[in-house]
Amino acid sequence: LVVEKETALAEIEDAFRSFLCRED
């Protein structure tokens, strides 16, 4: 995920949590 100034905090957190849940 490329985080830019406009990236919402919720989007960053959702991406982080989704990476933690992925088996790969």
PDB file of all heavy atoms in Angstrom:
ATOM      1  N   LEU A   1       0.860  -1.179   0.000  1.00  0.00           N
ATOM      2  CA  LEU A   1       0.000   0.000   0.000  1.00  0.00           C
ATOM      3  C   LEU A   1       0.894   1.226   0.000  1.00  0.00           C
ATOM      4  O   LEU A   1       1.755   1.364   0.872  1.00  0.00           O
ATOM      5  CB  LEU A   1      -0.911   0.045   1.228  1.00  0.00           C
ATOM      6  CG  LEU A   1      -1.775   1.317   1.367  1.00  0.00           C
ATOM      7  CD1 LEU A   1      -2.841   1.367   0.272  1.00  0.00           C
ATOM      8  CD2 LEU A   1      -2.405   1.395   2.738  1.00  0.00           C
ATOM      9  N   VAL A   2       0.680   2.093  -0.993  1.00  0.00           N
ATOM     10  CA  VAL A   2       1.377   3.379  -1.036  1.00  0.00           C
ATOM     11  C   VAL A   2       0.553   4.359  -0.204  1.00  0.00           C
ATOM     12  O   VAL A   2      -0.612   4.589  -0.492  1.00  0.00           O
ATOM     13  CB  VAL A   2       1.530   3.895  -2.484  1.00  0.00           C
ATOM     14  CG1 VAL A   2       2.157   5.281  -2.486  1.00  0.00           C
ATOM     15  CG2 VAL A   2       2.355   2.928  -3.318  1.00  0.00           C
ATOM     16  N   VAL A   3       1.177   4.892   0.838  1.00  0.00           N
ATOM     17  CA  VAL A   3       0.494   5.842   1.724  1.00  0.00           C
ATOM     18  C   VAL A   3       0.881   7.256   1.300  1.00  0.00           C
ATOM     19  O   VAL A   3       2.052   7.606   1.264  1.00  0.00           O
ATOM     20  CB  VAL A   3       0.882   5.593   3.194  1.00  0.00           C
ATOM     21  CG1 VAL A   3       0.231   6.630   4.101  1.00  0.00           C
ATOM     22  CG2 VAL A   3       0.486   4.184   3.614  1.00  0.00           C
ATOM     23  N   GLU A   4      -0.141   8.018   0.967  1.00  0.00           N
ATOM     24  CA  GLU A   4       0.054   9.414   0.577  1.00  0.00           C
ATOM     25  C   GLU A   4      -0.627  10.305   1.607  1.00  0.00           C
ATOM     26  O   GLU A   4      -1.311   9.810   2.511  1.00  0.00           O
ATOM     27  CB  GLU A   4      -0.526   9.647  -0.819  1.00  0.00           C
ATOM     28  CG  GLU A   4       0.163   8.778  -1.863  1.00  0.00           C
ATOM     29  CD  GLU A   4      -0.482   8.865  -3.223  1.00  0.00           C
ATOM     30  OE1 GLU A   4      -1.699   8.695  -3.323  1.00  0.00           O
ATOM     31  OE2 GLU A   4       0.267   9.110  -4.177  1.00  0.00           O
ATOM     32  N   LYS A   5      -0.462  11.596   1.466  1.00  0.00           N
ATOM     33  CA  LYS A   5      -1.063  12.536   2.419  1.00  0.00           C
ATOM     34  C   LYS A   5      -2.576  12.371   2.488  1.00  0.00           C
ATOM     35  O   LYS A   5      -3.178  12.557   3.537  1.00  0.00           O
ATOM     36  CB  LYS A   5      -0.723  13.977   2.039  1.00  0.00           C
ATOM     37  CG  LYS A   5       0.727  14.316   2.233  1.00  0.00           C
ATOM     38  CD  LYS A   5       1.026  15.722   1.779  1.00  0.00           C
ATOM     39  CE  LYS A   5       2.519  15.972   1.908  1.00  0.00           C
ATOM     40  NZ  LYS A   5       2.957  17.182   1.259  1.00  0.00           N
ATOM     41  N   GLU A   6      -3.184  12.014   1.370  1.00  0.00           N
ATOM     42  CA  GLU A   6      -4.643  11.887   1.299  1.00  0.00           C
ATOM     43  C   GLU A   6      -5.147  10.533   1.783  1.00  0.00           C
ATOM     44  O   GLU A   6      -6.360  10.330   1.881  1.00  0.00           O
ATOM     45  CB  GLU A   6      -5.140  12.090  -0.138  1.00  0.00           C
ATOM     46  CG  GLU A   6      -4.688  13.380  -0.800  1.00  0.00           C
ATOM     47  CD  GLU A   6      -3.285  13.281  -1.392  1.00  0.00           C
ATOM     48  OE1 GLU A   6      -2.895  12.206  -1.872  1.00  0.00           O
ATOM     49  OE2 GLU A   6      -2.576  14.295  -1.349  1.00  0.00           O
ATOM     50  N   THR A   7      -4.256   9.590   2.046  1.00  0.00           N
ATOM     51  CA  THR A   7      -4.686   8.253   2.450  1.00  0.00           C
ATOM     52  C   THR A   7      -5.324   8.312   3.832  1.00  0.00           C
ATOM     53  O   THR A   7      -4.722   8.817   4.781  1.00  0.00           O
ATOM     54  CB  THR A   7      -3.488   7.280   2.467  1.00  0.00           C
ATOM     55  OG1 THR A   7      -2.834   7.310   1.200  1.00  0.00           O
ATOM     56  CG2 THR A   7      -3.940   5.866   2.753  1.00  0.00           C
ATOM     57  N   ALA A   8      -6.523   7.777   3.936  1.00  0.00           N
ATOM     58  CA  ALA A   8      -7.249   7.786   5.212  1.00  0.00           C
ATOM     59  C   ALA A   8      -6.597   6.837   6.206  1.00  0.00           C
ATOM     60  O   ALA A   8      -6.084   5.777   5.836  1.00  0.00           O
ATOM     61  CB  ALA A   8      -8.700   7.372   4.985  1.00  0.00           C
ATOM     62  N   LEU A   9      -6.620   7.220   7.459  1.00  0.00           N
ATOM     63  CA  LEU A   9      -6.063   6.399   8.521  1.00  0.00           C
ATOM     64  C   LEU A   9      -6.730   5.025   8.561  1.00  0.00           C
ATOM     65  O   LEU A   9      -6.068   4.009   8.765  1.00  0.00           O
ATOM     66  CB  LEU A   9      -6.225   7.120   9.863  1.00  0.00           C
ATOM     67  CG  LEU A   9      -5.487   6.545  11.051  1.00  0.00           C
ATOM     68  CD1 LEU A   9      -3.985   6.502  10.788  1.00  0.00           C
ATOM     69  CD2 LEU A   9      -5.780   7.359  12.286  1.00  0.00           C
ATOM     70  N   ALA A  10      -8.030   4.996   8.329  1.00  0.00           N
ATOM     71  CA  ALA A  10      -8.767   3.723   8.312  1.00  0.00           C
ATOM     72  C   ALA A  10      -8.260   2.807   7.203  1.00  0.00           C
ATOM     73  O   ALA A  10      -8.173   1.587   7.393  1.00  0.00           O
ATOM     74  CB  ALA A  10     -10.257   3.983   8.147  1.00  0.00           C
ATOM     75  N   GLU A  11      -7.915   3.373   6.056  1.00  0.00           N
ATOM     76  CA  GLU A  11      -7.397   2.571   4.947  1.00  0.00           C
ATOM     77  C   GLU A  11      -6.037   1.968   5.309  1.00  0.00           C
ATOM     78  O   GLU A  11      -5.763   0.809   4.985  1.00  0.00           O
ATOM     79  CB  GLU A  11      -7.272   3.433   3.688  1.00  0.00           C
ATOM     80  CG  GLU A  11      -6.836   2.671   2.464  1.00  0.00           C
ATOM     81  CD  GLU A  11      -6.719   3.531   1.222  1.00  0.00           C
ATOM     82  OE1 GLU A  11      -7.069   4.722   1.262  1.00  0.00           O
ATOM     83  OE2 GLU A  11      -6.251   2.995   0.199  1.00  0.00           O
ATOM     84  N   ILE A  12      -5.198   2.742   5.975  1.00  0.00           N
ATOM     85  CA  ILE A  12      -3.880   2.242   6.401  1.00  0.00           C
ATOM     86  C   ILE A  12      -4.053   1.102   7.393  1.00  0.00           C
ATOM     87  O   ILE A  12      -3.444   0.036   7.259  1.00  0.00           O
ATOM     88  CB  ILE A  12      -3.043   3.379   7.024  1.00  0.00           C
ATOM     89  CG1 ILE A  12      -2.781   4.479   6.002  1.00  0.00           C
ATOM     90  CG2 ILE A  12      -1.738   2.842   7.589  1.00  0.00           C
ATOM     91  CD1 ILE A  12      -2.216   5.759   6.588  1.00  0.00           C
ATOM     92  N   GLU A  13      -4.905   1.320   8.370  1.00  0.00           N
ATOM     93  CA  GLU A  13      -5.133   0.302   9.393  1.00  0.00           C
ATOM     94  C   GLU A  13      -5.764  -0.952   8.797  1.00  0.00           C
ATOM     95  O   GLU A  13      -5.389  -2.073   9.148  1.00  0.00           O
ATOM     96  CB  GLU A  13      -6.006   0.865  10.511  1.00  0.00           C
ATOM     97  CG  GLU A  13      -6.023   0.003  11.729  1.00  0.00           C
ATOM     98  CD  GLU A  13      -6.680   0.669  12.918  1.00  0.00           C
ATOM     99  OE1 GLU A  13      -6.737   1.917  12.977  1.00  0.00           O
ATOM    100  OE2 GLU A  13      -7.139  -0.087  13.798  1.00  0.00           O
ATOM    101  N   ASP A  14      -6.717  -0.788   7.888  1.00  0.00           N
ATOM    102  CA  ASP A  14      -7.349  -1.936   7.235  1.00  0.00           C
ATOM    103  C   ASP A  14      -6.330  -2.748   6.437  1.00  0.00           C
ATOM    104  O   ASP A  14      -6.348  -3.983   6.473  1.00  0.00           O
ATOM    105  CB  ASP A  14      -8.484  -1.494   6.313  1.00  0.00           C
ATOM    106  CG  ASP A  14      -9.704  -0.997   7.075  1.00  0.00           C
ATOM    107  OD1 ASP A  14      -9.783  -1.224   8.303  1.00  0.00           O
ATOM    108  OD2 ASP A  14     -10.575  -0.365   6.434  1.00  0.00           O
ATOM    109  N   ALA A  15      -5.453  -2.059   5.711  1.00  0.00           N
ATOM    110  CA  ALA A  15      -4.418  -2.756   4.942  1.00  0.00           C
ATOM    111  C   ALA A  15      -3.491  -3.519   5.873  1.00  0.00           C
ATOM    112  O   ALA A  15      -3.162  -4.691   5.625  1.00  0.00           O
ATOM    113  CB  ALA A  15      -3.629  -1.766   4.092  1.00  0.00           C
ATOM    114  N   PHE A  16      -3.064  -2.883   6.963  1.00  0.00           N
ATOM    115  CA  PHE A  16      -2.184  -3.541   7.932  1.00  0.00           C
ATOM    116  C   PHE A  16      -2.849  -4.791   8.496  1.00  0.00           C
ATOM    117  O   PHE A  16      -2.256  -5.869   8.508  1.00  0.00           O
ATOM    118  CB  PHE A  16      -1.817  -2.566   9.059  1.00  0.00           C
ATOM    119  CG  PHE A  16      -0.972  -3.186  10.134  1.00  0.00           C
ATOM    120  CD1 PHE A  16       0.366  -3.471   9.904  1.00  0.00           C
ATOM    121  CD2 PHE A  16      -1.516  -3.485  11.374  1.00  0.00           C
ATOM    122  CE1 PHE A  16       1.144  -4.048  10.892  1.00  0.00           C
ATOM    123  CE2 PHE A  16      -0.745  -4.061  12.367  1.00  0.00           C
ATOM    124  CZ  PHE A  16       0.591  -4.342  12.125  1.00  0.00           C
ATOM    125  N   ARG A  17      -4.093  -4.660   8.925  1.00  0.00           N
ATOM    126  CA  ARG A  17      -4.797  -5.813   9.501  1.00  0.00           C
ATOM    127  C   ARG A  17      -5.012  -6.920   8.457  1.00  0.00           C
ATOM    128  O   ARG A  17      -4.929  -8.105   8.778  1.00  0.00           O
ATOM    129  CB  ARG A  17      -6.124  -5.379  10.101  1.00  0.00           C
ATOM    130  CG  ARG A  17      -5.952  -4.540  11.354  1.00  0.00           C
ATOM    131  CD  ARG A  17      -7.317  -4.203  11.982  1.00  0.00           C
ATOM    132  NE  ARG A  17      -7.219  -3.162  12.976  1.00  0.00           N
ATOM    133  CZ  ARG A  17      -6.819  -3.329  14.230  1.00  0.00           C
ATOM    134  NH1 ARG A  17      -6.453  -4.520  14.627  1.00  0.00           N
ATOM    135  NH2 ARG A  17      -6.777  -2.314  15.076  1.00  0.00           N
ATOM    136  N   SER A  18      -5.268  -6.535   7.217  1.00  0.00           N
ATOM    137  CA  SER A  18      -5.453  -7.558   6.179  1.00  0.00           C
ATOM    138  C   SER A  18      -4.151  -8.297   5.898  1.00  0.00           C
ATOM    139  O   SER A  18      -4.155  -9.506   5.668  1.00  0.00           O
ATOM    140  CB  SER A  18      -6.030  -6.957   4.901  1.00  0.00           C
ATOM    141  OG  SER A  18      -5.066  -6.213   4.195  1.00  0.00           O
ATOM    142  N   PHE A  19      -3.020  -7.585   5.944  1.00  0.00           N
ATOM    143  CA  PHE A  19      -1.726  -8.249   5.762  1.00  0.00           C
ATOM    144  C   PHE A  19      -1.464  -9.246   6.896  1.00  0.00           C
ATOM    145  O   PHE A  19      -0.919 -10.322   6.672  1.00  0.00           O
ATOM    146  CB  PHE A  19      -0.582  -7.233   5.698  1.00  0.00           C
ATOM    147  CG  PHE A  19      -0.601  -6.342   4.484  1.00  0.00           C
ATOM    148  CD1 PHE A  19       0.009  -5.099   4.520  1.00  0.00           C
ATOM    149  CD2 PHE A  19      -1.223  -6.719   3.302  1.00  0.00           C
ATOM    150  CE1 PHE A  19       0.018  -4.266   3.407  1.00  0.00           C
ATOM    151  CE2 PHE A  19      -1.239  -5.897   2.187  1.00  0.00           C
ATOM    152  CZ  PHE A  19      -0.621  -4.665   2.241  1.00  0.00           C
ATOM    153  N   LEU A  20      -1.860  -8.898   8.110  1.00  0.00           N
ATOM    154  CA  LEU A  20      -1.659  -9.793   9.244  1.00  0.00           C
ATOM    155  C   LEU A  20      -2.489 -11.064   9.115  1.00  0.00           C
ATOM    156  O   LEU A  20      -2.079 -12.119   9.606  1.00  0.00           O
ATOM    157  CB  LEU A  20      -2.027  -9.094  10.554  1.00  0.00           C
ATOM    158  CG  LEU A  20      -1.198  -7.897  10.981  1.00  0.00           C
ATOM    159  CD1 LEU A  20      -1.670  -7.375  12.333  1.00  0.00           C
ATOM    160  CD2 LEU A  20       0.288  -8.218  11.023  1.00  0.00           C
ATOM    161  N   CYS A  21      -3.635 -10.974   8.469  1.00  0.00           N
ATOM    162  CA  CYS A  21      -4.538 -12.125   8.349  1.00  0.00           C
ATOM    163  C   CYS A  21      -4.210 -13.034   7.166  1.00  0.00           C
ATOM    164  O   CYS A  21      -4.703 -14.162   7.108  1.00  0.00           O
ATOM    165  CB  CYS A  21      -5.978 -11.645   8.218  1.00  0.00           C
ATOM    166  SG  CYS A  21      -6.586 -10.827   9.694  1.00  0.00           S
ATOM    167  N   ARG A  22      -3.403 -12.543   6.244  1.00  0.00           N
ATOM    168  CA  ARG A  22      -3.115 -13.344   5.046  1.00  0.00           C
ATOM    169  C   ARG A  22      -2.084 -14.425   5.351  1.00  0.00           C
ATOM    170  O   ARG A  22      -1.045 -14.176   5.952  1.00  0.00           O
ATOM    171  CB  ARG A  22      -2.603 -12.444   3.922  1.00  0.00           C
ATOM    172  CG  ARG A  22      -3.715 -11.648   3.288  1.00  0.00           C
ATOM    173  CD  ARG A  22      -3.256 -10.728   2.204  1.00  0.00           C
ATOM    174  NE  ARG A  22      -2.393 -11.313   1.203  1.00  0.00           N
ATOM    175  CZ  ARG A  22      -1.948 -10.665   0.146  1.00  0.00           C
ATOM    176  NH1 ARG A  22      -2.300  -9.409  -0.057  1.00  0.00           N
ATOM    177  NH2 ARG A  22      -1.147 -11.259  -0.714  1.00  0.00           N
ATOM    178  N   GLU A  23      -2.405 -15.643   4.927  1.00  0.00           N
ATOM    179  CA  GLU A  23      -1.529 -16.798   5.152  1.00  0.00           C
ATOM    180  C   GLU A  23      -0.252 -16.740   4.315  1.00  0.00           C
ATOM    181  O   GLU A  23       0.738 -17.373   4.658  1.00  0.00           O
ATOM    182  CB  GLU A  23      -2.275 -18.096   4.818  1.00  0.00           C
ATOM    183  CG  GLU A  23      -3.419 -18.391   5.763  1.00  0.00           C
ATOM    184  CD  GLU A  23      -2.947 -18.780   7.147  1.00  0.00           C
ATOM    185  OE1 GLU A  23      -1.925 -19.477   7.253  1.00  0.00           O
ATOM    186  OE2 GLU A  23      -3.599 -18.368   8.126  1.00  0.00           O
ATOM    187  N   ASP A  24      -0.279 -15.971   3.213  1.00  0.00           N
ATOM    188  CA  ASP A  24       0.866 -15.942   2.306  1.00  0.00           C
ATOM    189  C   ASP A  24       1.894 -14.867   2.663  1.00  0.00           C
ATOM    190  O   ASP A  24       2.903 -14.726   1.986  1.00  0.00           O
ATOM    191  CB  ASP A  24       0.402 -15.757   0.857  1.00  0.00           C
ATOM    192  CG  ASP A  24      -0.358 -14.458   0.620  1.00  0.00           C
ATOM    193  OD1 ASP A  24      -0.890 -13.885   1.596  1.00  0.00           O
ATOM    194  OD2 ASP A  24      -0.441 -14.033  -0.543  1.00  0.00           O
TER     195      ASP A  24
END
